[in-house]
C-alpha atoms as a PDB file:
ATOM      1  CA  MET A   1       0.000   0.000   0.000  1.00  0.00           C
ATOM      2  CA  GLN A   2       2.819   2.393   0.904  1.00  0.00           C
ATOM      3  CA  ARG A   3       4.685   1.721  -2.330  1.00  0.00           C
ATOM      4  CA  GLN A   4       1.487   2.195  -4.343  1.00  0.00           C
ATOM      5  CA  TRP A   5       0.870   5.524  -2.607  1.00  0.00           C
ATOM      6  CA  ASN A   6       4.386   6.726  -3.401  1.00  0.00           C
ATOM      7  CA  ALA A   7       4.159   5.554  -7.008  1.00  0.00           C
ATOM      8  CA  GLN A   8       0.911   7.472  -7.523  1.00  0.00           C
ATOM      9  CA  CYS A   9       2.412  10.766  -6.367  1.00  0.00           C
ATOM     10  CA  ALA A  10       6.004  10.384  -7.548  1.00  0.00           C
ATOM     11  CA  ASN A  11       5.586  13.111 -10.181  1.00  0.00           C
ATOM     12  CA  HIS A  12       3.706  15.589  -7.981  1.00  0.00           C
ATOM     13  CA  TRP A  13       6.636  17.975  -7.483  1.00  0.00           C
ATOM     14  CA  ARG A  14       4.802  20.849  -9.182  1.00  0.00           C
ATOM     15  CA  PHE A  15       1.559  20.249  -7.271  1.00  0.00           C
ATOM     16  CA  ALA A  16       3.430  20.275  -3.949  1.00  0.00           C
ATOM     17  CA  THR A  17       5.136  23.652  -4.446  1.00  0.00           C
ATOM     18  CA  GLU A  18       3.289  25.609  -1.737  1.00  0.00           C
ATOM     19  CA  HIS A  19       3.255  22.639   0.634  1.00  0.00           C
ATOM     20  CA  ARG A  20       7.008  22.201   0.180  1.00  0.00           C
ATOM     21  CA  GLN A  21       7.667  25.894   0.763  1.00  0.00           C
ATOM     22  CA  ARG A  22       5.694  25.777   4.021  1.00  0.00           C
ATOM     23  CA  ILE A  23       7.650  22.804   5.320  1.00  0.00           C
ATOM     24  CA  MET A  24      11.004  24.268   4.341  1.00  0.00           C
ATOM     25  CA  GLU A  25      10.072  27.530   6.074  1.00  0.00           C
ATOM     26  CA  LEU A  26       9.228  25.607   9.255  1.00  0.00           C
ATOM     27  CA  ILE A  27      12.613  23.915   9.044  1.00  0.00           C
ATOM     28  CA  ARG A  28      14.354  27.257   8.506  1.00  0.00           C
ATOM     29  CA  GLN A  29      12.563  28.824  11.480  1.00  0.00           C
ATOM     30  CA  SER A  30      13.402  25.878  13.737  1.00  0.00           C
ATOM     31  CA  THR A  31      17.161  25.772  13.167  1.00  0.00           C
ATOM     32  CA  PRO A  32      20.049  28.211  13.341  1.00  0.00           C
ATOM     33  CA  ALA A  33      21.723  29.395  10.152  1.00  0.00           C
ATOM     34  CA  SER A  34      24.472  26.813  10.553  1.00  0.00           C
ATOM     35  CA  ALA A  35      22.660  23.695  11.735  1.00  0.00           C
ATOM     36  CA  GLY A  36      23.854  20.233  12.681  1.00  0.00           C
ATOM     37  CA  ARG A  37      21.887  17.088  11.935  1.00  0.00           C
ATOM     38  CA  VAL A  38      18.292  16.607  10.785  1.00  0.00           C
ATOM     39  CA  CYS A  39      16.165  13.464  10.531  1.00  0.00           C
ATOM     40  CA  ILE A  40      13.142  13.315   8.212  1.00  0.00           C
ATOM     41  CA  LEU A  41      10.567  10.612   8.992  1.00  0.00           C
ATOM     42  CA  GLY A  42       8.400   9.493   6.083  1.00  0.00           C
ATOM     43  CA  ALA A  43      10.486  11.271   3.446  1.00  0.00           C
ATOM     44  CA  GLY A  44       9.173   9.054   0.631  1.00  0.00           C
ATOM     45  CA  ASN A  45       9.270  10.802  -2.733  1.00  0.00           C
ATOM     46  CA  CYS A  46      10.603  13.980  -1.063  1.00  0.00           C
ATOM     47  CA  ASN A  47       8.196  16.127  -3.079  1.00  0.00           C
ATOM     48  CA  ASP A  48       7.670  18.182   0.072  1.00  0.00           C
ATOM     49  CA  LEU A  49      11.415  18.628   0.674  1.00  0.00           C
ATOM     50  CA  ASP A  50      14.057  20.748  -1.045  1.00  0.00           C
ATOM     51  CA  LEU A  51      16.929  18.272  -0.807  1.00  0.00           C
ATOM     52  CA  PRO A  52      19.681  20.568  -2.196  1.00  0.00           C
ATOM     53  CA  THR A  53      18.814  23.131   0.481  1.00  0.00           C
ATOM     54  CA  LEU A  54      18.841  20.497   3.231  1.00  0.00           C
ATOM     55  CA  ALA A  55      22.147  19.080   1.981  1.00  0.00           C
ATOM     56  CA  GLN A  56      23.705  22.530   2.120  1.00  0.00           C
ATOM     57  CA  ARG A  57      22.151  23.693   5.393  1.00  0.00           C
ATOM     58  CA  PHE A  58      22.786  20.627   7.565  1.00  0.00           C
ATOM     59  CA  SER A  59      25.962  18.698   8.234  1.00  0.00           C
ATOM     60  CA  GLN A  60      23.879  15.525   7.885  1.00  0.00           C
ATOM     61  CA  THR A  61      20.356  14.882   6.640  1.00  0.00           C
ATOM     62  CA  VAL A  62      18.939  11.392   7.269  1.00  0.00           C
ATOM     63  CA  LEU A  63      15.931  10.501   5.095  1.00  0.00           C
ATOM     64  CA  ILE A  64      13.871   7.637   6.520  1.00  0.00           C
ATOM     65  CA  ASP A  65      11.039   5.759   4.845  1.00  0.00           C
ATOM     66  CA  LEU A  66       9.637   2.261   4.425  1.00  0.00           C
ATOM     67  CA  ASP A  67       9.958   2.614   0.631  1.00  0.00           C
ATOM     68  CA  ASP A  68      13.644   2.538  -0.294  1.00  0.00           C
ATOM     69  CA  GLU A  69      12.881   2.827  -4.015  1.00  0.00           C
ATOM     70  CA  ALA A  70      11.030   6.115  -3.488  1.00  0.00           C
ATOM     71  CA  LEU A  71      14.024   7.576  -1.644  1.00  0.00           C
ATOM     72  CA  GLN A  72      16.447   6.463  -4.340  1.00  0.00           C
ATOM     73  CA  HIS A  73      14.336   8.028  -7.082  1.00  0.00           C
ATOM     74  CA  ALA A  74      13.956  11.242  -5.072  1.00  0.00           C
ATOM     75  CA  VAL A  75      17.669  11.967  -4.814  1.00  0.00           C
ATOM     76  CA  VAL A  76      18.029  11.320  -8.544  1.00  0.00           C
ATOM     77  CA  ARG A  77      15.158  13.681  -9.435  1.00  0.00           C
ATOM     78  CA  GLN A  78      16.581  16.449  -7.263  1.00  0.00           C
ATOM     79  CA  GLY A  79      20.147  15.956  -8.434  1.00  0.00           C
ATOM     80  CA  VAL A  80      21.706  15.154  -5.067  1.00  0.00           C
ATOM     81  CA  VAL A  81      22.791  11.537  -5.534  1.00  0.00           C
ATOM     82  CA  ASP A  82      26.373  12.378  -4.611  1.00  0.00           C
ATOM     83  CA  ALA A  83      25.620  14.826  -1.785  1.00  0.00           C
ATOM     84  CA  PRO A  84      27.870  13.597   1.060  1.00  0.00           C
ATOM     85  CA  SER A  85      25.611  15.000   3.782  1.00  0.00           C
ATOM     86  CA  LEU A  86      22.561  12.952   2.707  1.00  0.00           C
ATOM     87  CA  MET A  87      21.940   9.514   4.200  1.00  0.00           C
ATOM     88  CA  LEU A  88      19.085   7.303   2.964  1.00  0.00           C
ATOM     89  CA  ARG A  89      17.490   4.743   5.251  1.00  0.00           C
ATOM     90  CA  GLY A  90      14.883   2.850   3.277  1.00  0.00           C
ATOM     91  CA  GLY A  91      13.024  -0.255   4.384  1.00  0.00           C
ATOM     92  CA  CYS A  92      12.605   1.302   7.834  1.00  0.00           C
ATOM     93  CA  ASP A  93       9.380   0.716   9.765  1.00  0.00           C
ATOM     94  CA  ILE A  94       8.870   3.822  11.889  1.00  0.00           C
ATOM     95  CA  SER A  95       5.625   2.477  13.369  1.00  0.00           C
ATOM     96  CA  GLY A  96       7.294  -0.500  15.028  1.00  0.00           C
ATOM     97  CA  VAL A  97       4.272  -2.678  14.229  1.00  0.00           C
ATOM     98  CA  TRP A  98       4.017  -2.900  10.443  1.00  0.00           C
ATOM     99  CA  ASP A  99       4.891  -6.616  10.326  1.00  0.00           C
ATOM    100  CA  ASP A 100       2.460  -7.386  13.145  1.00  0.00           C
ATOM    101  CA  LEU A 101      -0.294  -5.445  11.372  1.00  0.00           C
ATOM    102  CA  GLU A 102       0.187  -7.695   8.362  1.00  0.00           C
ATOM    103  CA  LEU A 103      -0.208 -10.712  10.649  1.00  0.00           C
ATOM    104  CA  LEU A 104      -3.279  -9.119  12.197  1.00  0.00           C
ATOM    105  CA  ALA A 105      -4.913  -8.784   8.785  1.00  0.00           C
ATOM    106  CA  ALA A 106      -5.223 -12.571   8.756  1.00  0.00           C
ATOM    107  CA  ALA A 107      -6.298 -12.818  12.415  1.00  0.00           C
ATOM    108  CA  PRO A 108      -8.064  -9.597  13.421  1.00  0.00           C
ATOM    109  CA  GLN A 109      -9.424 -11.099  16.661  1.00  0.00           C
ATOM    110  CA  ASP A 110      -6.086 -12.380  17.977  1.00  0.00           C
ATOM    111  CA  SER A 111      -6.112 -10.722  21.403  1.00  0.00           C
ATOM    112  CA  ASP A 112      -2.467 -11.474  22.206  1.00  0.00           C
ATOM    113  CA  LEU A 113      -1.326 -10.024  18.884  1.00  0.00           C
ATOM    114  CA  LEU A 114      -3.509  -6.956  19.378  1.00  0.00           C
ATOM    115  CA  GLU A 115      -2.066  -6.336  22.826  1.00  0.00           C
ATOM    116  CA  ARG A 116       1.469  -6.695  21.501  1.00  0.00           C
ATOM    117  CA  ILE A 117       0.722  -4.190  18.736  1.00  0.00           C
ATOM    118  CA  VAL A 118      -0.656  -1.647  21.206  1.00  0.00           C
ATOM    119  CA  GLN A 119       2.371  -1.984  23.483  1.00  0.00           C
ATOM    120  CA  ASN A 120       4.952  -1.850  20.684  1.00  0.00           C
ATOM    121  CA  ALA A 121       3.198   0.972  18.847  1.00  0.00           C
ATOM    122  CA  GLU A 122       3.431   3.195  21.917  1.00  0.00           C
ATOM    123  CA  SER A 123       7.239   2.938  22.057  1.00  0.00           C
ATOM    124  CA  PRO A 124       8.676   2.478  18.544  1.00  0.00           C
ATOM    125  CA  SER A 125      12.426   2.668  18.070  1.00  0.00           C
ATOM    126  CA  LEU A 126      14.777   2.955  15.124  1.00  0.00           C
ATOM    127  CA  PRO A 127      17.862   0.715  14.929  1.00  0.00           C
ATOM    128  CA  GLY A 128      21.202   2.340  14.326  1.00  0.00           C
ATOM    129  CA  PRO A 129      23.553   4.803  16.027  1.00  0.00           C
ATOM    130  CA  HIS A 130      22.276   7.913  14.269  1.00  0.00           C
ATOM    131  CA  ALA A 131      20.317   9.687  17.034  1.00  0.00           C
ATOM    132  CA  PRO A 132      20.122  12.225  18.549  1.00  0.00           C
ATOM    133  CA  PHE A 133      19.348  14.944  16.008  1.00  0.00           C
ATOM    134  CA  ASP A 134      19.201  18.710  16.256  1.00  0.00           C
ATOM    135  CA  LEU A 135      15.909  18.597  14.338  1.00  0.00           C
ATOM    136  CA  VAL A 136      13.442  15.768  13.679  1.00  0.00           C
ATOM    137  CA  VAL A 137      10.638  16.271  11.147  1.00  0.00           C
ATOM    138  CA  SER A 138       7.675  14.010  10.365  1.00  0.00           C
ATOM    139  CA  THR A 139       6.306  14.884   6.928  1.00  0.00           C
ATOM    140  CA  CYS A 140       2.661  13.814   6.612  1.00  0.00           C
ATOM    141  CA  VAL A 141       3.439  10.190   7.415  1.00  0.00           C
ATOM    142  CA  LEU A 142       1.283   9.853  10.545  1.00  0.00           C
ATOM    143  CA  SER A 143      -1.887   9.854   8.448  1.00  0.00           C
ATOM    144  CA  GLN A 144      -0.435   6.998   6.394  1.00  0.00           C
ATOM    145  CA  LEU A 145       0.440   4.987   9.496  1.00  0.00           C
ATOM    146  CA  ILE A 146      -3.100   5.403  10.787  1.00  0.00           C
ATOM    147  CA  LYS A 147      -4.501   4.553   7.360  1.00  0.00           C
ATOM    148  CA  GLY A 148      -2.691   1.229   7.650  1.00  0.00           C
ATOM    149  CA  VAL A 149      -4.601   0.516  10.860  1.00  0.00           C
ATOM    150  CA  VAL A 150      -7.876   1.489   9.163  1.00  0.00           C
ATOM    151  CA  GLU A 151      -7.146  -0.876   6.271  1.00  0.00           C
ATOM    152  CA  VAL A 152      -6.303  -3.810   8.555  1.00  0.00           C
ATOM    153  CA  LEU A 153      -8.833  -3.454  11.382  1.00  0.00           C
ATOM    154  CA  GLY A 154     -11.635  -1.235  10.131  1.00  0.00           C
ATOM    155  CA  GLN A 155     -13.223   1.347  12.375  1.00  0.00           C
ATOM    156  CA  GLU A 156     -15.829  -1.092  13.734  1.00  0.00           C
ATOM    157  CA  HIS A 157     -13.234  -3.326  15.396  1.00  0.00           C
ATOM    158  CA  PRO A 158     -13.486  -3.105  19.212  1.00  0.00           C
ATOM    159  CA  ARG A 159      -9.751  -2.324  19.566  1.00  0.00           C
ATOM    160  CA  PHE A 160      -9.617   0.107  16.629  1.00  0.00           C
ATOM    161  CA  LEU A 161      -9.331   3.272  18.730  1.00  0.00           C
ATOM    162  CA  ASP A 162      -6.776   1.644  21.044  1.00  0.00           C
ATOM    163  CA  VAL A 163      -4.480   0.810  18.132  1.00  0.00           C
ATOM    164  CA  VAL A 164      -4.930   4.194  16.443  1.00  0.00           C
ATOM    165  CA  SER A 165      -4.199   5.997  19.702  1.00  0.00           C
ATOM    166  CA  ALA A 166      -1.114   3.860  20.321  1.00  0.00           C
ATOM    167  CA  VAL A 167       0.289   4.505  16.836  1.00  0.00           C
ATOM    168  CA  ARG A 168      -0.333   8.242  17.183  1.00  0.00           C
ATOM    169  CA  ARG A 169       1.188   8.480  20.665  1.00  0.00           C
ATOM    170  CA  GLY A 170       4.150   6.346  19.661  1.00  0.00           C
ATOM    171  CA  HIS A 171       4.907   8.502  16.640  1.00  0.00           C
ATOM    172  CA  LEU A 172       5.018  11.670  18.730  1.00  0.00           C
ATOM    173  CA  ARG A 173       7.233   9.926  21.266  1.00  0.00           C
ATOM    174  CA  LEU A 174       9.573   8.761  18.510  1.00  0.00           C
ATOM    175  CA  LEU A 175       9.958  12.330  17.272  1.00  0.00           C
ATOM    176  CA  PHE A 176      10.885  13.439  20.768  1.00  0.00           C
ATOM    177  CA  ASP A 177      13.151  10.463  21.492  1.00  0.00           C
ATOM    178  CA  LEU A 178      15.196  11.130  18.353  1.00  0.00           C
ATOM    179  CA  ALA A 179      15.682  14.821  19.184  1.00  0.00           C
ATOM    180  CA  ALA A 180      18.711  15.952  21.146  1.00  0.00           C
ATOM    181  CA  PRO A 181      18.220  17.962  24.353  1.00  0.00           C
ATOM    182  CA  GLY A 182      17.537  21.495  23.190  1.00  0.00           C
ATOM    183  CA  GLY A 183      16.648  20.169  19.733  1.00  0.00           C
ATOM    184  CA  GLN A 184      13.309  20.520  18.024  1.00  0.00           C
ATOM    185  CA  ALA A 185      10.632  18.142  16.755  1.00  0.00           C
ATOM    186  CA  ILE A 186       8.168  19.056  14.006  1.00  0.00           C
ATOM    187  CA  LEU A 187       5.071  17.007  13.237  1.00  0.00           C
ATOM    188  CA  VAL A 188       3.561  17.987   9.877  1.00  0.00           C
ATOM    189  CA  THR A 189       0.258  16.241   9.235  1.00  0.00           C
ATOM    190  CA  ASP A 190      -2.675  16.382   6.880  1.00  0.00           C
ATOM    191  CA  PHE A 191      -5.984  16.003   8.723  1.00  0.00           C
ATOM    192  CA  VAL A 192      -8.818  16.296   6.172  1.00  0.00           C
ATOM    193  CA  SER A 193      -9.160  16.225   2.385  1.00  0.00           C
ATOM    194  CA  SER A 194     -11.416  17.682  -0.273  1.00  0.00           C
ATOM    195  CA  ASP A 195     -12.957  14.221  -0.696  1.00  0.00           C
ATOM    196  CA  SER A 196     -15.077  14.910   2.400  1.00  0.00           C
ATOM    197  CA  ALA A 197     -14.709  18.716   2.423  1.00  0.00           C
ATOM    198  CA  PRO A 198     -14.776  20.011  -1.183  1.00  0.00           C
ATOM    199  CA  GLU A 199     -14.794  23.613   0.083  1.00  0.00           C
ATOM    200  CA  ILE A 200     -11.072  23.230   0.774  1.00  0.00           C
ATOM    201  CA  THR A 201     -10.435  23.820  -2.923  1.00  0.00           C
ATOM    202  CA  THR A 202     -12.271  27.168  -3.044  1.00  0.00           C
ATOM    203  CA  THR A 203     -11.645  28.717   0.373  1.00  0.00           C
ATOM    204  CA  ALA A 204      -9.264  31.687   0.431  1.00  0.00           C
ATOM    205  CA  ASP A 205      -5.953  31.122   2.218  1.00  0.00           C
ATOM    206  CA  ALA A 206      -6.862  33.699   4.878  1.00  0.00           C
ATOM    207  CA  ASP A 207     -10.032  31.738   5.707  1.00  0.00           C
ATOM    208  CA  LEU A 208      -8.494  28.263   6.002  1.00  0.00           C
ATOM    209  CA  ALA A 209      -8.138  28.493   9.783  1.00  0.00           C
ATOM    210  CA  GLY A 210     -11.842  29.227  10.136  1.00  0.00           C
ATOM    211  CA  LEU A 211     -12.678  26.401   7.766  1.00  0.00           C
ATOM    212  CA  ALA A 212     -10.533  24.028   9.800  1.00  0.00           C
ATOM    213  CA  GLN A 213     -12.376  24.986  12.985  1.00  0.00           C
ATOM    214  CA  ARG A 214     -15.762  24.355  11.333  1.00  0.00           C
ATOM    215  CA  LEU A 215     -14.680  20.975   9.965  1.00  0.00           C
ATOM    216  CA  ILE A 216     -13.330  19.919  13.350  1.00  0.00           C
ATOM    217  CA  ALA A 217     -16.592  20.968  15.013  1.00  0.00           C
ATOM    218  CA  GLN A 218     -18.420  18.818  12.443  1.00  0.00           C
ATOM    219  CA  ARG A 219     -16.014  15.939  13.215  1.00  0.00           C
ATOM    220  CA  ASN A 220     -14.859  15.972   9.617  1.00  0.00           C
ATOM    221  CA  PHE A 221     -11.233  14.850   9.918  1.00  0.00           C
ATOM    222  CA  PHE A 222      -9.148  11.724   9.448  1.00  0.00           C
ATOM    223  CA  HIS A 223      -9.199   9.073  12.188  1.00  0.00           C
ATOM    224  CA  GLY A 224      -6.920  10.074  15.042  1.00  0.00           C
ATOM    225  CA  LEU A 225      -5.886  13.384  13.470  1.00  0.00           C
ATOM    226  CA  ASN A 226      -8.095  15.973  15.114  1.00  0.00           C
ATOM    227  CA  PRO A 227      -5.505  18.784  15.519  1.00  0.00           C
ATOM    228  CA  ALA A 228      -6.918  19.758  18.914  1.00  0.00           C
ATOM    229  CA  VAL A 229      -6.453  16.213  20.225  1.00  0.00           C
ATOM    230  CA  VAL A 230      -2.944  15.963  18.777  1.00  0.00           C
ATOM    231  CA  ALA A 231      -2.023  19.242  20.490  1.00  0.00           C
ATOM    232  CA  SER A 232      -3.433  17.987  23.806  1.00  0.00           C
ATOM    233  CA  LEU A 233      -1.164  14.926  23.709  1.00  0.00           C
ATOM    234  CA  TRP A 234       1.870  17.164  24.129  1.00  0.00           C
ATOM    235  CA  GLN A 235       0.398  18.184  27.482  1.00  0.00           C
ATOM    236  CA  SER A 236      -1.076  14.905  28.701  1.00  0.00           C
ATOM    237  CA  ASP A 237       1.580  12.328  27.723  1.00  0.00           C
ATOM    238  CA  SER A 238       4.268  12.013  30.393  1.00  0.00           C
ATOM    239  CA  ARG A 239       7.100  11.703  27.864  1.00  0.00           C
ATOM    240  CA  LEU A 240       5.966  14.710  25.839  1.00  0.00           C
ATOM    241  CA  ALA A 241       4.621  17.020  28.547  1.00  0.00           C
ATOM    242  CA  PRO A 242       7.978  18.700  29.341  1.00  0.00           C
ATOM    243  CA  SER A 243       7.770  20.385  25.922  1.00  0.00           C
ATOM    244  CA  ARG A 244       4.279  21.791  26.295  1.00  0.00           C
ATOM    245  CA  GLY A 245       5.480  25.290  27.134  1.00  0.00           C
ATOM    246  CA  THR A 246       7.292  25.498  23.793  1.00  0.00           C
ATOM    247  CA  LEU A 247       4.587  23.964  21.568  1.00  0.00           C
ATOM    248  CA  ARG A 248       3.727  26.029  18.489  1.00  0.00           C
ATOM    249  CA  VAL A 249       0.827  25.136  16.199  1.00  0.00           C
ATOM    250  CA  ALA A 250       0.944  26.408  12.618  1.00  0.00           C
ATOM    251  CA  ARG A 251      -2.004  27.926  10.823  1.00  0.00           C
ATOM    252  CA  PRO A 252      -3.424  25.368   8.379  1.00  0.00           C
ATOM    253  CA  TRP A 253      -2.422  25.454   4.742  1.00  0.00           C
ATOM    254  CA  ARG A 254      -3.484  23.676   1.575  1.00  0.00           C
ATOM    255  CA  TRP A 255      -1.607  20.760   0.013  1.00  0.00           C
ATOM    256  CA  ASP A 256      -2.497  20.324  -3.648  1.00  0.00           C
ATOM    257  CA  PHE A 257      -2.311  16.613  -4.451  1.00  0.00           C
ATOM    258  CA  GLY A 258      -3.681  16.861  -7.973  1.00  0.00           C
ATOM    259  CA  VAL A 259      -6.697  14.582  -7.615  1.00  0.00           C
ATOM    260  CA  ARG A 260      -7.564  16.107  -4.221  1.00  0.00           C
ATOM    261  CA  GLN A 261      -6.419  18.750  -1.786  1.00  0.00           C
ATOM    262  CA  TYR A 262      -5.603  18.408   1.894  1.00  0.00           C
ATOM    263  CA  LEU A 263      -5.607  20.724   4.873  1.00  0.00           C
ATOM    264  CA  VAL A 264      -2.298  20.489   6.715  1.00  0.00           C
ATOM    265  CA  THR A 265      -0.999  21.828   9.997  1.00  0.00           C
ATOM    266  CA  ALA A 266       2.232  21.466  11.951  1.00  0.00           C
ATOM    267  CA  PHE A 267       3.275  21.191  15.592  1.00  0.00           C
ATOM    268  CA  THR A 268       6.746  22.306  16.688  1.00  0.00           C
ATOM    269  CA  ALA A 269       8.153  21.555  20.136  1.00  0.00           C
ATOM    270  CA  THR A 270      11.545  21.981  21.783  1.00  0.00           C
ATOM    271  CA  LYS A 271      13.003  19.134  23.824  1.00  0.00           C
ATOM    272  CA  PRO A 272      14.117  20.382  27.238  1.00  0.00           C
ATOM    273  CA  VAL A 273      17.839  20.422  27.952  1.00  0.00           C
ATOM    274  CA  ALA A 274      17.310  18.754  31.298  1.00  0.00           C
END
């Protein structure tokens, strides 16, 4: 499913122009002029990333995704195959439960497997000696992780909300765990599309925040991605709460995906030094 998603949008560089500019501006605002190391979770096709800029700005940029082929094609398209500061880590499961979800598809009522998924999803880890990073960025991959749960379990399953909540909480914790003390974590996430809210395509940029509030009030958002609930996790989760005083929530913007458009927001938090 992930590879199919990446293949469908591999040539969406032009569509993603504004979305990419917003993400790169968040990165610029969150790092000093001469930055150290950055980790990008869910980099995929990198249509939302300016790789030459990252390669120049950071001493090391680590691009992580499940789909190694998408990463390889991305560095070719952007002309940075030989950039020494770029490191690609494909085939990497950032959810910590992707293999178990595949098992669960064949046995959706396996209570032991479900419990293991919930526990592992809440504390995912990445192998390798590459952390910590001065900046960690998740680029619209959380919605895809949750979509995997939707595809496997379906929203009528009695443990559906437990698994979705665990995946969401675990992803935020992973961002924070990978960040160095004093470093920053940015979660960029889409939370609703024009499939269910066609007015996204016609609303003026200045009115997108109001539209987002109305859609949230109508409960028109992707499973587990109500921005208000995501923001509250930074205050209620014991591993994230120390950052709550620094949390910044971006005004929503539009991501043109060609066949549909998404509303996107971002959460930026600083990891305490001590």
